[in-house]
C-alpha atoms as a PDB file:
ATOM      1  CA  UNK A   1     100.682 127.623 110.124  1.00  0.00           C
ATOM      2  CA  UNK A   2     102.453 124.409 109.113  1.00  0.00           C
ATOM      3  CA  UNK A   3     102.052 123.143 112.673  1.00  0.00           C
ATOM      4  CA  UNK A   4      98.307 123.796 112.633  1.00  0.00           C
ATOM      5  CA  UNK A   5      97.878 122.031 109.301  1.00  0.00           C
ATOM      6  CA  UNK A   6      99.878 119.069 110.599  1.00  0.00           C
ATOM      7  CA  UNK A   7      97.707 118.883 113.726  1.00  0.00           C
ATOM      8  CA  UNK A   8      94.606 118.938 111.508  1.00  0.00           C
ATOM      9  CA  UNK A   9      95.955 115.997 109.501  1.00  0.00           C
ATOM     10  CA  UNK A  10      96.770 118.001 106.363  1.00  0.00           C
ATOM     11  CA  UNK A  11     100.315 116.706 105.953  1.00  0.00           C
ATOM     12  CA  UNK A  12     100.762 117.824 102.347  1.00  0.00           C
ATOM     13  CA  UNK A  13      99.590 121.371 103.116  1.00  0.00           C
ATOM     14  CA  UNK A  14     101.855 121.398 106.186  1.00  0.00           C
ATOM     15  CA  UNK A  15     104.849 120.391 104.053  1.00  0.00           C
ATOM     16  CA  UNK A  16     104.004 123.087 101.511  1.00  0.00           C
ATOM     17  CA  UNK A  17     103.805 125.785 104.199  1.00  0.00           C
ATOM     18  CA  UNK A  18     106.975 124.517 105.879  1.00  0.00           C
ATOM     19  CA  UNK A  19     108.913 124.646 102.606  1.00  0.00           C
ATOM     20  CA  UNK A  20     107.570 128.126 101.861  1.00  0.00           C
ATOM     21  CA  UNK A  21     108.769 129.323 105.252  1.00  0.00           C
ATOM     22  CA  UNK A  22     112.213 127.809 104.654  1.00  0.00           C
ATOM     23  CA  UNK A  23     112.341 129.447 101.231  1.00  0.00           C
ATOM     24  CA  UNK A  24     111.731 132.839 102.823  1.00  0.00           C
ATOM     25  CA  UNK A  25     114.464 132.326 105.415  1.00  0.00           C
ATOM     26  CA  UNK A  26     112.669 131.060 108.508  1.00  0.00           C
ATOM     27  CA  UNK A  27     114.958 129.041 110.774  1.00  0.00           C
ATOM     28  CA  UNK A  28     114.410 126.846 113.803  1.00  0.00           C
ATOM     29  CA  UNK A  29     116.528 129.033 116.059  1.00  0.00           C
ATOM     30  CA  UNK A  30     113.890 131.750 115.757  1.00  0.00           C
ATOM     31  CA  UNK A  31     111.135 129.678 117.376  1.00  0.00           C
ATOM     32  CA  UNK A  32     112.135 130.426 120.972  1.00  0.00           C
ATOM     33  CA  UNK A  33     112.644 134.138 120.301  1.00  0.00           C
ATOM     34  CA  UNK A  34     109.163 134.404 118.838  1.00  0.00           C
ATOM     35  CA  UNK A  35     107.317 132.309 121.445  1.00  0.00           C
ATOM     36  CA  UNK A  36     109.372 133.281 124.528  1.00  0.00           C
ATOM     37  CA  UNK A  37     108.354 129.960 126.079  1.00  0.00           C
ATOM     38  CA  UNK A  38     110.827 127.090 126.304  1.00  0.00           C
ATOM     39  CA  UNK A  39     108.265 124.287 126.545  1.00  0.00           C
ATOM     40  CA  UNK A  40     106.128 125.602 123.685  1.00  0.00           C
ATOM     41  CA  UNK A  41     109.141 126.218 121.456  1.00  0.00           C
ATOM     42  CA  UNK A  42     110.503 122.703 122.114  1.00  0.00           C
ATOM     43  CA  UNK A  43     107.119 121.180 121.283  1.00  0.00           C
ATOM     44  CA  UNK A  44     106.779 123.227 118.087  1.00  0.00           C
ATOM     45  CA  UNK A  45     110.350 122.481 117.040  1.00  0.00           C
ATOM     46  CA  UNK A  46     109.847 118.746 117.553  1.00  0.00           C
ATOM     47  CA  UNK A  47     106.636 118.821 115.515  1.00  0.00           C
ATOM     48  CA  UNK A  48     108.164 120.789 112.645  1.00  0.00           C
ATOM     49  CA  UNK A  49     111.240 118.558 112.503  1.00  0.00           C
ATOM     50  CA  UNK A  50     108.938 115.824 111.207  1.00  0.00           C
ATOM     51  CA  UNK A  51     108.513 117.963 108.072  1.00  0.00           C
ATOM     52  CA  UNK A  52     112.188 118.604 107.459  1.00  0.00           C
ATOM     53  CA  UNK A  53     115.362 120.196 108.830  1.00  0.00           C
ATOM     54  CA  UNK A  54     114.931 123.501 110.628  1.00  0.00           C
ATOM     55  CA  UNK A  55     118.451 124.825 110.108  1.00  0.00           C
END
């Protein structure tokens, strides 16, 4: 969801959603296991890193 908000230009909402996910234990290493696509997971990881650390 944070990625979608960031793409839509809602940076503050994206940061809020990113921080909420981190608070509940979401980690960057999970991205590939959820998407099962290396290219998509690398793109998403790179985008989310602009909001903060993933690990």
